[in-house]
Protein backbone atom coordinates (compact mmCIF):
# COMPACT_ATOMS: atom_id res chain seq x y z
CA MET A 1 3.79 18.09 30.17
CA PRO A 2 6.26 16.78 32.77
CA VAL A 3 6.41 13.26 34.04
CA PRO A 4 5.47 12.83 37.92
CA ALA A 5 8.40 11.29 39.88
CA GLU A 6 6.09 8.40 40.91
CA GLU A 7 5.63 7.20 37.31
CA LEU A 8 9.36 7.31 36.61
CA ASP A 9 11.15 4.00 36.31
CA LEU A 10 14.43 4.31 38.43
CA ASP A 11 15.42 0.89 37.77
CA TYR A 12 15.56 1.34 33.99
CA GLN A 13 18.73 0.22 32.54
CA PRO A 14 19.36 0.98 28.99
CA GLN A 15 20.01 -1.88 26.62
CA SER A 16 23.73 -2.36 25.19
CA THR A 17 24.25 -0.62 22.07
CA VAL A 18 25.28 -2.16 18.45
CA ASN A 19 28.82 -1.21 19.38
CA GLU A 20 28.97 -2.67 22.68
CA GLN A 21 27.39 -6.00 21.35
CA ALA A 22 29.94 -5.80 18.67
CA ASP A 23 32.87 -5.30 20.99
CA THR A 24 31.25 -8.45 23.25
CA ASN A 25 30.89 -10.57 19.99
CA GLU A 26 27.17 -11.09 21.00
CA GLN A 27 24.51 -12.32 18.58
CA THR A 28 21.29 -10.90 19.12
CA SER A 29 18.19 -11.86 17.52
CA PHE A 30 16.16 -9.54 15.60
CA PHE A 31 12.91 -10.35 17.68
CA GLU A 32 12.46 -10.08 21.22
CA GLU A 33 12.45 -13.41 22.99
CA ASP A 34 8.85 -13.15 23.91
CA GLN A 35 7.61 -12.13 20.58
CA ALA A 36 5.86 -14.75 18.81
CA PRO A 37 8.18 -16.27 15.98
CA GLU A 38 5.21 -16.23 13.58
CA ALA A 39 5.61 -12.64 13.25
CA ALA A 40 8.63 -12.62 11.03
CA ASP A 41 6.34 -14.74 8.61
CA ARG A 42 3.54 -11.80 8.49
CA ALA A 43 6.18 -9.24 8.18
CA GLU A 44 6.05 -7.96 4.54
CA PRO A 45 9.24 -8.35 2.56
CA THR A 46 11.03 -5.12 1.71
CA PRO A 47 12.39 -5.56 -1.38
CA SER A 48 16.06 -4.92 -2.27
CA PRO A 49 16.70 -1.48 -3.88
CA GLU A 50 19.53 -3.02 -6.26
CA LYS A 51 17.01 -5.66 -7.62
CA ILE A 52 14.27 -3.55 -8.58
CA PRO A 53 14.54 -2.59 -12.22
CA TYR A 54 13.72 1.07 -11.99
CA SER A 55 15.88 2.05 -15.35
CA GLU A 56 14.47 -0.79 -17.26
CA ILE A 57 10.57 -0.04 -16.22
CA VAL A 58 10.73 3.73 -17.04
CA ALA A 59 12.84 3.10 -20.29
CA TYR A 60 9.87 0.66 -21.16
CA LEU A 61 7.50 3.35 -20.43
CA ASN A 62 9.52 6.06 -22.33
CA ASP A 63 9.91 3.76 -25.72
CA SER A 64 6.36 3.22 -25.43
CA THR A 65 5.20 6.50 -25.05
CA GLY A 66 7.82 8.83 -26.65
CA LYS A 67 8.04 10.77 -23.44
CA HIS A 68 11.16 11.31 -21.13
CA PHE A 69 10.78 10.32 -17.42
CA GLN A 70 13.74 9.95 -15.22
CA ALA A 71 14.39 6.75 -13.84
CA THR A 72 16.02 8.56 -10.92
CA ALA A 73 13.16 10.76 -9.85
CA VAL A 74 12.54 10.08 -6.21
CA LYS A 75 8.57 10.08 -6.96
CA THR A 76 8.89 7.43 -9.60
CA ARG A 77 11.24 5.22 -7.68
CA ASP A 78 8.96 5.23 -4.48
CA LEU A 79 5.72 4.31 -6.89
CA ILE A 80 7.51 1.68 -8.77
CA LYS A 81 8.83 0.25 -5.35
CA ALA A 82 5.60 0.25 -3.59
CA ARG A 83 4.04 -1.81 -6.68
CA TRP A 84 7.06 -4.25 -6.77
CA ARG A 85 6.00 -5.19 -2.96
CA ALA A 86 3.02 -6.95 -4.49
CA HIS A 87 4.33 -7.60 -8.10
CA PRO A 88 7.71 -8.40 -8.03
CA ASN A 89 7.48 -8.87 -11.88
CA GLN A 90 8.89 -6.69 -14.51
CA ASP A 91 6.26 -8.26 -16.92
CA HIS A 92 3.62 -6.73 -14.79
CA PHE A 93 4.69 -3.24 -15.18
CA GLU A 94 4.96 -3.85 -18.79
CA LYS A 95 1.69 -5.12 -19.35
CA VAL A 96 0.16 -2.25 -17.46
CA ILE A 97 1.99 0.37 -19.48
CA ASP A 98 1.25 -1.56 -22.85
CA THR A 99 -2.78 -1.93 -21.78
CA LYS A 100 -2.76 1.57 -20.91
CA THR A 101 -0.60 3.04 -24.00
CA ASP A 102 -3.10 1.15 -26.42
CA GLN A 103 -6.26 2.85 -24.74
CA TRP A 104 -4.40 6.17 -24.03
CA LEU A 105 -1.91 6.89 -26.45
CA ASN A 106 -4.04 8.61 -29.44
CA ASP A 107 -6.69 9.93 -26.88
CA PRO A 108 -5.64 13.66 -26.42
CA THR A 109 -7.35 13.74 -23.38
CA MET A 110 -5.92 10.71 -21.76
CA ASN A 111 -2.49 10.78 -23.16
CA LYS A 112 -1.41 13.32 -20.38
CA PHE A 113 -1.97 10.32 -17.83
CA LEU A 114 0.66 7.95 -19.40
CA ARG A 115 3.11 8.81 -16.71
CA PRO A 116 4.33 7.11 -13.68
CA GLU A 117 2.27 9.04 -11.03
CA THR A 118 -0.97 7.43 -12.81
CA LEU A 119 0.30 3.87 -14.01
CA PHE A 120 2.08 2.85 -10.94
CA GLY A 121 -0.22 4.52 -8.38
CA PRO A 122 -3.02 3.00 -6.19
CA LYS A 123 -4.79 1.78 -9.63
CA PHE A 124 -1.81 -0.47 -10.77
CA GLU A 125 -3.59 -3.68 -9.65
CA SER A 126 -6.86 -2.91 -11.59
CA TYR A 127 -4.78 -1.79 -14.44
CA LEU A 128 -2.92 -5.06 -14.21
CA ASN A 129 -5.92 -7.01 -14.30
CA GLU A 130 -7.65 -4.81 -17.22
CA GLY A 131 -5.85 -6.25 -19.82
CA THR A 132 -6.20 -5.26 -23.39
CA THR A 133 -9.08 -5.27 -25.47
CA PRO A 134 -9.00 -7.92 -28.12
CA ILE A 135 -9.67 -6.14 -31.87
CA GLU A 136 -12.07 -8.35 -33.75
CA THR A 137 -10.71 -9.52 -36.83
CA ASP A 138 -12.83 -9.23 -40.35
CA PHE A 139 -12.75 -12.99 -40.06
CA GLU A 140 -14.28 -12.97 -36.77
CA LYS A 141 -17.04 -10.41 -38.08
CA TYR A 142 -17.48 -12.64 -40.83
CA LEU A 143 -18.37 -15.58 -38.64
CA LYS A 144 -20.83 -13.50 -36.55
CA GLU A 145 -22.71 -12.79 -39.41
CA LEU A 146 -23.05 -16.06 -40.30
CA GLU A 147 -24.55 -17.15 -36.80
């Protein structure tokens, strides 16, 4: 729907383009002057793509599960990148892989879920905090019998 002429800002002046700024050697701030400086602190950091170890994480998953996922798959990279924002640590990814591999690898129903879509999806945080269930040793069983 067209805007009525009364609502048009006829005094509008476009801001200079990046090329014009480069030509005049002006430096501009990322934030507008009237924006609060603490807004930069609230912004979520965007991970640098070259610092996320996509290949290492997927290789660890493949080695642990005997599967052949590709580290170059767009969906896999998007999932890893999304989790990396909150957990920029490869050990966290390996812990989730280890936990779910221990639980699901030999379970024919659950084995199919040992994949990036499941492991690195929205439940990543809960998988990370699950930990592995400790296996009770014979000695621990013996001690319980004595109690």
